[in-house]
Amino acid sequence: TEPLWDTGEHVVTMSPSTLQMLADCPLRWLLERHGGSRGRDVRSTLGSLVHALVSESGKSEAQLLNELENIWEKLPFDAQWYAD
């Protein structure tokens, strides 16, 4: 059982919601993956941030909180009170 292609440096990541979109409407998945979306809103950015931090194995709570604080300032909040 060999991979269908060389897995070298090209990794395809799929979230459960992206996989569901691909199953429901392959054309929509293709268009959104190649610039056809309106960009990311704060909710999806926060979800991605949580997933990224959770996947950081071996880091202490303090290290994860430090990374969160550094990234938090750069999130595209519509109003400051969202960030507070």
PDB file of N, CA and C in Angstrom:
ATOM      1  N   THR A   1       0.837  -1.182   0.000  1.00  0.00           N
ATOM      2  CA  THR A   1       0.000   0.000   0.000  1.00  0.00           C
ATOM      3  C   THR A   1       0.883   1.248   0.000  1.00  0.00           C
ATOM      4  N   GLU A   2       1.194   1.735  -1.167  1.00  0.00           N
ATOM      5  CA  GLU A   2       2.009   2.934  -1.318  1.00  0.00           C
ATOM      6  C   GLU A   2       1.111   4.153  -1.503  1.00  0.00           C
ATOM      7  N   PRO A   3       1.593   5.336  -1.102  1.00  0.00           N
ATOM      8  CA  PRO A   3       0.810   6.555  -1.327  1.00  0.00           C
ATOM      9  C   PRO A   3       0.584   6.773  -2.818  1.00  0.00           C
ATOM     10  N   LEU A   4      -0.484   7.494  -3.134  1.00  0.00           N
ATOM     11  CA  LEU A   4      -0.794   7.794  -4.529  1.00  0.00           C
ATOM     12  C   LEU A   4       0.180   8.799  -5.123  1.00  0.00           C
ATOM     13  N   TRP A   5       0.821   9.612  -4.287  1.00  0.00           N
ATOM     14  CA  TRP A   5       1.789  10.592  -4.750  1.00  0.00           C
ATOM     15  C   TRP A   5       2.878  10.747  -3.699  1.00  0.00           C
ATOM     16  N   ASP A   6       3.943  11.414  -4.098  1.00  0.00           N
ATOM     17  CA  ASP A   6       5.057  11.658  -3.192  1.00  0.00           C
ATOM     18  C   ASP A   6       4.595  12.617  -2.105  1.00  0.00           C
ATOM     19  N   THR A   7       4.689  12.214  -0.866  1.00  0.00           N
ATOM     20  CA  THR A   7       4.215  13.049   0.233  1.00  0.00           C
ATOM     21  C   THR A   7       5.272  14.011   0.744  1.00  0.00           C
ATOM     22  N   GLY A   8       6.436  14.029   0.173  1.00  0.00           N
ATOM     23  CA  GLY A   8       7.543  14.926   0.521  1.00  0.00           C
ATOM     24  C   GLY A   8       7.161  16.117   1.366  1.00  0.00           C
ATOM     25  N   GLU A   9       7.170  17.300   0.792  1.00  0.00           N
ATOM     26  CA  GLU A   9       6.878  18.527   1.526  1.00  0.00           C
ATOM     27  C   GLU A   9       5.460  19.026   1.287  1.00  0.00           C
ATOM     28  N   HIS A  10       4.707  18.394   0.447  1.00  0.00           N
ATOM     29  CA  HIS A  10       3.372  18.870   0.096  1.00  0.00           C
ATOM     30  C   HIS A  10       2.327  18.119   0.911  1.00  0.00           C
ATOM     31  N   VAL A  11       1.896  18.750   1.989  1.00  0.00           N
ATOM     32  CA  VAL A  11       0.907  18.144   2.867  1.00  0.00           C
ATOM     33  C   VAL A  11      -0.426  18.841   2.638  1.00  0.00           C
ATOM     34  N   VAL A  12      -1.464  18.075   2.444  1.00  0.00           N
ATOM     35  CA  VAL A  12      -2.806  18.622   2.292  1.00  0.00           C
ATOM     36  C   VAL A  12      -3.504  18.478   3.632  1.00  0.00           C
ATOM     37  N   THR A  13      -3.916  19.602   4.200  1.00  0.00           N
ATOM     38  CA  THR A  13      -4.631  19.558   5.466  1.00  0.00           C
ATOM     39  C   THR A  13      -6.117  19.748   5.208  1.00  0.00           C
ATOM     40  N   MET A  14      -6.912  19.004   5.930  1.00  0.00           N
ATOM     41  CA  MET A  14      -8.366  19.080   5.770  1.00  0.00           C
ATOM     42  C   MET A  14      -9.016  19.083   7.143  1.00  0.00           C
ATOM     43  N   SER A  15      -9.792  20.102   7.421  1.00  0.00           N
ATOM     44  CA  SER A  15     -10.571  20.117   8.651  1.00  0.00           C
ATOM     45  C   SER A  15     -11.846  19.315   8.398  1.00  0.00           C
ATOM     46  N   PRO A  16     -12.540  18.907   9.445  1.00  0.00           N
ATOM     47  CA  PRO A  16     -13.802  18.190   9.230  1.00  0.00           C
ATOM     48  C   PRO A  16     -14.805  18.997   8.407  1.00  0.00           C
ATOM     49  N   SER A  17     -14.880  20.310   8.650  1.00  0.00           N
ATOM     50  CA  SER A  17     -15.834  21.122   7.889  1.00  0.00           C
ATOM     51  C   SER A  17     -15.425  21.234   6.422  1.00  0.00           C
ATOM     52  N   THR A  18     -14.133  21.299   6.149  1.00  0.00           N
ATOM     53  CA  THR A  18     -13.657  21.345   4.766  1.00  0.00           C
ATOM     54  C   THR A  18     -13.936  20.030   4.057  1.00  0.00           C
ATOM     55  N   LEU A  19     -13.735  18.939   4.755  1.00  0.00           N
ATOM     56  CA  LEU A  19     -14.028  17.626   4.184  1.00  0.00           C
ATOM     57  C   LEU A  19     -15.514  17.490   3.877  1.00  0.00           C
ATOM     58  N   GLN A  20     -16.357  18.011   4.768  1.00  0.00           N
ATOM     59  CA  GLN A  20     -17.804  17.974   4.533  1.00  0.00           C
ATOM     60  C   GLN A  20     -18.163  18.816   3.313  1.00  0.00           C
ATOM     61  N   MET A  21     -17.547  19.993   3.173  1.00  0.00           N
ATOM     62  CA  MET A  21     -17.802  20.843   2.012  1.00  0.00           C
ATOM     63  C   MET A  21     -17.394  20.133   0.726  1.00  0.00           C
ATOM     64  N   LEU A  22     -16.264  19.457   0.761  1.00  0.00           N
ATOM     65  CA  LEU A  22     -15.802  18.712  -0.412  1.00  0.00           C
ATOM     66  C   LEU A  22     -16.801  17.627  -0.787  1.00  0.00           C
ATOM     67  N   ALA A  23     -17.343  16.944   0.205  1.00  0.00           N
ATOM     68  CA  ALA A  23     -18.328  15.893  -0.064  1.00  0.00           C
ATOM     69  C   ALA A  23     -19.637  16.482  -0.586  1.00  0.00           C
ATOM     70  N   ASP A  24     -20.050  17.630  -0.037  1.00  0.00           N
ATOM     71  CA  ASP A  24     -21.326  18.247  -0.427  1.00  0.00           C
ATOM     72  C   ASP A  24     -21.259  18.919  -1.795  1.00  0.00           C
ATOM     73  N   CYS A  25     -20.188  19.664  -2.038  1.00  0.00           N
ATOM     74  CA  CYS A  25     -20.089  20.421  -3.288  1.00  0.00           C
ATOM     75  C   CYS A  25     -18.624  20.580  -3.681  1.00  0.00           C
ATOM     76  N   PRO A  26     -18.100  19.654  -4.463  1.00  0.00           N
ATOM     77  CA  PRO A  26     -16.691  19.725  -4.857  1.00  0.00           C
ATOM     78  C   PRO A  26     -16.311  21.034  -5.561  1.00  0.00           C
ATOM     79  N   LEU A  27     -17.228  21.594  -6.342  1.00  0.00           N
ATOM     80  CA  LEU A  27     -16.927  22.844  -7.038  1.00  0.00           C
ATOM     81  C   LEU A  27     -16.729  23.984  -6.040  1.00  0.00           C
ATOM     82  N   ARG A  28     -17.607  24.076  -5.046  1.00  0.00           N
ATOM     83  CA  ARG A  28     -17.459  25.114  -4.019  1.00  0.00           C
ATOM     84  C   ARG A  28     -16.128  24.946  -3.292  1.00  0.00           C
ATOM     85  N   TRP A  29     -15.790  23.694  -2.935  1.00  0.00           N
ATOM     86  CA  TRP A  29     -14.518  23.435  -2.260  1.00  0.00           C
ATOM     87  C   TRP A  29     -13.356  23.934  -3.116  1.00  0.00           C
ATOM     88  N   LEU A  30     -13.366  23.592  -4.412  1.00  0.00           N
ATOM     89  CA  LEU A  30     -12.295  23.996  -5.316  1.00  0.00           C
ATOM     90  C   LEU A  30     -12.190  25.517  -5.401  1.00  0.00           C
ATOM     91  N   LEU A  31     -13.321  26.185  -5.583  1.00  0.00           N
ATOM     92  CA  LEU A  31     -13.299  27.640  -5.720  1.00  0.00           C
ATOM     93  C   LEU A  31     -12.821  28.324  -4.443  1.00  0.00           C
ATOM     94  N   GLU A  32     -13.283  27.861  -3.295  1.00  0.00           N
ATOM     95  CA  GLU A  32     -12.876  28.491  -2.043  1.00  0.00           C
ATOM     96  C   GLU A  32     -11.419  28.215  -1.699  1.00  0.00           C
ATOM     97  N   ARG A  33     -10.910  27.072  -2.097  1.00  0.00           N
ATOM     98  CA  ARG A  33      -9.501  26.751  -1.828  1.00  0.00           C
ATOM     99  C   ARG A  33      -8.552  27.562  -2.710  1.00  0.00           C
ATOM    100  N   HIS A  34      -9.057  28.107  -3.800  1.00  0.00           N
ATOM    101  CA  HIS A  34      -8.203  28.837  -4.740  1.00  0.00           C
ATOM    102  C   HIS A  34      -8.647  30.286  -4.900  1.00  0.00           C
ATOM    103  N   GLY A  35      -8.966  30.931  -3.777  1.00  0.00           N
ATOM    104  CA  GLY A  35      -9.214  32.363  -3.779  1.00  0.00           C
ATOM    105  C   GLY A  35     -10.635  32.801  -4.002  1.00  0.00           C
ATOM    106  N   GLY A  36     -11.576  31.900  -4.033  1.00  0.00           N
ATOM    107  CA  GLY A  36     -12.956  32.283  -4.293  1.00  0.00           C
ATOM    108  C   GLY A  36     -13.773  32.578  -3.057  1.00  0.00           C
ATOM    109  N   SER A  37     -13.147  32.662  -1.890  1.00  0.00           N
ATOM    110  CA  SER A  37     -13.907  32.951  -0.674  1.00  0.00           C
ATOM    111  C   SER A  37     -13.750  34.417  -0.309  1.00  0.00           C
ATOM    112  N   ARG A  38     -14.558  34.865   0.623  1.00  0.00           N
ATOM    113  CA  ARG A  38     -14.511  36.256   1.055  1.00  0.00           C
ATOM    114  C   ARG A  38     -13.477  36.490   2.146  1.00  0.00           C
ATOM    115  N   GLY A  39     -12.636  35.538   2.382  1.00  0.00           N
ATOM    116  CA  GLY A  39     -11.663  35.698   3.454  1.00  0.00           C
ATOM    117  C   GLY A  39     -12.163  35.034   4.721  1.00  0.00           C
ATOM    118  N   ARG A  40     -11.342  35.091   5.722  1.00  0.00           N
ATOM    119  CA  ARG A  40     -11.680  34.420   6.972  1.00  0.00           C
ATOM    120  C   ARG A  40     -12.278  35.415   7.945  1.00  0.00           C
ATOM    121  N   ASP A  41     -13.322  34.995   8.627  1.00  0.00           N
ATOM    122  CA  ASP A  41     -13.855  35.847   9.675  1.00  0.00           C
ATOM    123  C   ASP A  41     -13.185  35.480  10.995  1.00  0.00           C
ATOM    124  N   VAL A  42     -13.494  36.225  12.021  1.00  0.00           N
ATOM    125  CA  VAL A  42     -12.841  36.031  13.307  1.00  0.00           C
ATOM    126  C   VAL A  42     -13.126  34.645  13.866  1.00  0.00           C
ATOM    127  N   ARG A  43     -14.353  34.151  13.694  1.00  0.00           N
ATOM    128  CA  ARG A  43     -14.694  32.836  14.249  1.00  0.00           C
ATOM    129  C   ARG A  43     -13.825  31.737  13.668  1.00  0.00           C
ATOM    130  N   SER A  44     -13.650  31.727  12.366  1.00  0.00           N
ATOM    131  CA  SER A  44     -12.823  30.674  11.772  1.00  0.00           C
ATOM    132  C   SER A  44     -11.349  30.870  12.128  1.00  0.00           C
ATOM    133  N   THR A  45     -10.931  32.128  12.258  1.00  0.00           N
ATOM    134  CA  THR A  45      -9.558  32.391  12.675  1.00  0.00           C
ATOM    135  C   THR A  45      -9.326  31.890  14.095  1.00  0.00           C
ATOM    136  N   LEU A  46     -10.285  32.141  14.990  1.00  0.00           N
ATOM    137  CA  LEU A  46     -10.160  31.652  16.366  1.00  0.00           C
ATOM    138  C   LEU A  46     -10.140  30.129  16.403  1.00  0.00           C
ATOM    139  N   GLY A  47     -10.992  29.501  15.598  1.00  0.00           N
ATOM    140  CA  GLY A  47     -11.001  28.043  15.539  1.00  0.00           C
ATOM    141  C   GLY A  47      -9.668  27.490  15.077  1.00  0.00           C
ATOM    142  N   SER A  48      -9.111  28.101  14.056  1.00  0.00           N
ATOM    143  CA  SER A  48      -7.802  27.662  13.560  1.00  0.00           C
ATOM    144  C   SER A  48      -6.717  27.887  14.600  1.00  0.00           C
ATOM    145  N   LEU A  49      -6.813  28.993  15.312  1.00  0.00           N
ATOM    146  CA  LEU A  49      -5.841  29.289  16.361  1.00  0.00           C
ATOM    147  C   LEU A  49      -5.903  28.242  17.471  1.00  0.00           C
ATOM    148  N   VAL A  50      -7.108  27.907  17.903  1.00  0.00           N
ATOM    149  CA  VAL A  50      -7.266  26.891  18.952  1.00  0.00           C
ATOM    150  C   VAL A  50      -6.706  25.555  18.483  1.00  0.00           C
ATOM    151  N   HIS A  51      -7.037  25.161  17.257  1.00  0.00           N
ATOM    152  CA  HIS A  51      -6.518  23.895  16.719  1.00  0.00           C
ATOM    153  C   HIS A  51      -4.989  23.910  16.655  1.00  0.00           C
ATOM    154  N   ALA A  52      -4.427  25.022  16.230  1.00  0.00           N
ATOM    155  CA  ALA A  52      -2.968  25.113  16.125  1.00  0.00           C
ATOM    156  C   ALA A  52      -2.307  25.013  17.497  1.00  0.00           C
ATOM    157  N   LEU A  53      -2.879  25.697  18.483  1.00  0.00           N
ATOM    158  CA  LEU A  53      -2.296  25.640  19.823  1.00  0.00           C
ATOM    159  C   LEU A  53      -2.435  24.253  20.440  1.00  0.00           C
ATOM    160  N   VAL A  54      -3.575  23.620  20.239  1.00  0.00           N
ATOM    161  CA  VAL A  54      -3.793  22.280  20.794  1.00  0.00           C
ATOM    162  C   VAL A  54      -2.835  21.277  20.165  1.00  0.00           C
ATOM    163  N   SER A  55      -2.491  21.481  18.920  1.00  0.00           N
ATOM    164  CA  SER A  55      -1.606  20.536  18.236  1.00  0.00           C
ATOM    165  C   SER A  55      -0.136  20.707  18.630  1.00  0.00           C
ATOM    166  N   GLU A  56       0.187  21.752  19.369  1.00  0.00           N
ATOM    167  CA  GLU A  56       1.561  22.011  19.806  1.00  0.00           C
ATOM    168  C   GLU A  56       1.899  21.107  20.986  1.00  0.00           C
ATOM    169  N   SER A  57       2.289  19.899  20.711  1.00  0.00           N
ATOM    170  CA  SER A  57       2.608  18.974  21.798  1.00  0.00           C
ATOM    171  C   SER A  57       3.964  19.309  22.406  1.00  0.00           C
ATOM    172  N   GLY A  58       4.081  19.051  23.681  1.00  0.00           N
ATOM    173  CA  GLY A  58       5.353  19.254  24.358  1.00  0.00           C
ATOM    174  C   GLY A  58       5.580  20.654  24.886  1.00  0.00           C
ATOM    175  N   LYS A  59       4.662  21.578  24.628  1.00  0.00           N
ATOM    176  CA  LYS A  59       4.838  22.941  25.125  1.00  0.00           C
ATOM    177  C   LYS A  59       4.080  23.098  26.439  1.00  0.00           C
ATOM    178  N   SER A  60       4.643  23.900  27.312  1.00  0.00           N
ATOM    179  CA  SER A  60       4.011  24.141  28.608  1.00  0.00           C
ATOM    180  C   SER A  60       2.829  25.094  28.440  1.00  0.00           C
ATOM    181  N   GLU A  61       2.011  25.161  29.481  1.00  0.00           N
ATOM    182  CA  GLU A  61       0.872  26.078  29.460  1.00  0.00           C
ATOM    183  C   GLU A  61       1.352  27.515  29.298  1.00  0.00           C
ATOM    184  N   ALA A  62       2.422  27.869  29.973  1.00  0.00           N
ATOM    185  CA  ALA A  62       2.967  29.228  29.875  1.00  0.00           C
ATOM    186  C   ALA A  62       3.427  29.539  28.451  1.00  0.00           C
ATOM    187  N   GLN A  63       4.060  28.587  27.788  1.00  0.00           N
ATOM    188  CA  GLN A  63       4.507  28.795  26.405  1.00  0.00           C
ATOM    189  C   GLN A  63       3.307  28.973  25.472  1.00  0.00           C
ATOM    190  N   LEU A  64       2.268  28.159  25.671  1.00  0.00           N
ATOM    191  CA  LEU A  64       1.075  28.273  24.831  1.00  0.00           C
ATOM    192  C   LEU A  64       0.370  29.606  25.056  1.00  0.00           C
ATOM    193  N   LEU A  65       0.269  30.033  26.314  1.00  0.00           N
ATOM    194  CA  LEU A  65      -0.354  31.328  26.604  1.00  0.00           C
ATOM    195  C   LEU A  65       0.449  32.473  25.997  1.00  0.00           C
ATOM    196  N   ASN A  66       1.753  32.382  26.012  1.00  0.00           N
ATOM    197  CA  ASN A  66       2.604  33.399  25.399  1.00  0.00           C
ATOM    198  C   ASN A  66       2.358  33.468  23.893  1.00  0.00           C
ATOM    199  N   GLU A  67       2.275  32.313  23.243  1.00  0.00           N
ATOM    200  CA  GLU A  67       1.984  32.289  21.804  1.00  0.00           C
ATOM    201  C   GLU A  67       0.613  32.884  21.523  1.00  0.00           C
ATOM    202  N   LEU A  68      -0.375  32.535  22.361  1.00  0.00           N
ATOM    203  CA  LEU A  68      -1.725  33.067  22.189  1.00  0.00           C
ATOM    204  C   LEU A  68      -1.724  34.586  22.298  1.00  0.00           C
ATOM    205  N   GLU A  69      -1.038  35.126  23.289  1.00  0.00           N
ATOM    206  CA  GLU A  69      -0.977  36.583  23.460  1.00  0.00           C
ATOM    207  C   GLU A  69      -0.327  37.266  22.259  1.00  0.00           C
ATOM    208  N   ASN A  70       0.718  36.666  21.713  1.00  0.00           N
ATOM    209  CA  ASN A  70       1.391  37.251  20.546  1.00  0.00           C
ATOM    210  C   ASN A  70       0.488  37.257  19.324  1.00  0.00           C
ATOM    211  N   ILE A  71      -0.264  36.201  19.141  1.00  0.00           N
ATOM    212  CA  ILE A  71      -1.137  36.089  17.972  1.00  0.00           C
ATOM    213  C   ILE A  71      -2.401  36.919  18.147  1.00  0.00           C
ATOM    214  N   TRP A  72      -2.905  37.001  19.379  1.00  0.00           N
ATOM    215  CA  TRP A  72      -4.178  37.669  19.665  1.00  0.00           C
ATOM    216  C   TRP A  72      -4.196  39.100  19.142  1.00  0.00           C
ATOM    217  N   GLU A  73      -3.077  39.807  19.295  1.00  0.00           N
ATOM    218  CA  GLU A  73      -2.989  41.203  18.860  1.00  0.00           C
ATOM    219  C   GLU A  73      -3.158  41.354  17.352  1.00  0.00           C
ATOM    220  N   LYS A  74      -2.893  40.302  16.600  1.00  0.00           N
ATOM    221  CA  LYS A  74      -2.928  40.382  15.139  1.00  0.00           C
ATOM    222  C   LYS A  74      -4.246  39.902  14.542  1.00  0.00           C
ATOM    223  N   LEU A  75      -5.182  39.452  15.388  1.00  0.00           N
ATOM    224  CA  LEU A  75      -6.447  38.939  14.864  1.00  0.00           C
ATOM    225  C   LEU A  75      -7.312  40.082  14.340  1.00  0.00           C
ATOM    226  N   PRO A  76      -8.104  39.814  13.294  1.00  0.00           N
ATOM    227  CA  PRO A  76      -8.894  40.872  12.647  1.00  0.00           C
ATOM    228  C   PRO A  76     -10.230  41.128  13.338  1.00  0.00           C
ATOM    229  N   PHE A  77     -10.213  41.646  14.575  1.00  0.00           N
ATOM    230  CA  PHE A  77     -11.455  41.941  15.280  1.00  0.00           C
ATOM    231  C   PHE A  77     -12.105  43.180  14.679  1.00  0.00           C
ATOM    232  N   ASP A  78     -13.443  43.147  14.562  1.00  0.00           N
ATOM    233  CA  ASP A  78     -14.172  44.297  14.024  1.00  0.00           C
ATOM    234  C   ASP A  78     -14.206  45.461  15.010  1.00  0.00           C
ATOM    235  N   ALA A  79     -14.184  45.135  16.296  1.00  0.00           N
ATOM    236  CA  ALA A  79     -14.190  46.160  17.336  1.00  0.00           C
ATOM    237  C   ALA A  79     -13.286  45.704  18.472  1.00  0.00           C
ATOM    238  N   GLN A  80     -12.710  46.657  19.180  1.00  0.00           N
ATOM    239  CA  GLN A  80     -11.769  46.318  20.252  1.00  0.00           C
ATOM    240  C   GLN A  80     -12.427  45.496  21.351  1.00  0.00           C
ATOM    241  N   TRP A  81     -13.725  45.753  21.622  1.00  0.00           N
ATOM    242  CA  TRP A  81     -14.355  45.026  22.725  1.00  0.00           C
ATOM    243  C   TRP A  81     -14.469  43.534  22.438  1.00  0.00           C
ATOM    244  N   TYR A  82     -14.413  43.125  21.169  1.00  0.00           N
ATOM    245  CA  TYR A  82     -14.370  41.689  20.869  1.00  0.00           C
ATOM    246  C   TYR A  82     -13.096  41.070  21.436  1.00  0.00           C
ATOM    247  N   ALA A  83     -12.007  41.788  21.326  1.00  0.00           N
ATOM    248  CA  ALA A  83     -10.707  41.273  21.763  1.00  0.00           C
ATOM    249  C   ALA A  83     -10.573  41.266  23.279  1.00  0.00           C
ATOM    250  N   ASP A  84     -11.279  42.161  23.942  1.00  0.00           N
ATOM    251  CA  ASP A  84     -11.176  42.250  25.404  1.00  0.00           C
ATOM    252  C   ASP A  84     -11.947  41.123  25.999  1.00  0.00           C
TER     253      ASP A  84
END
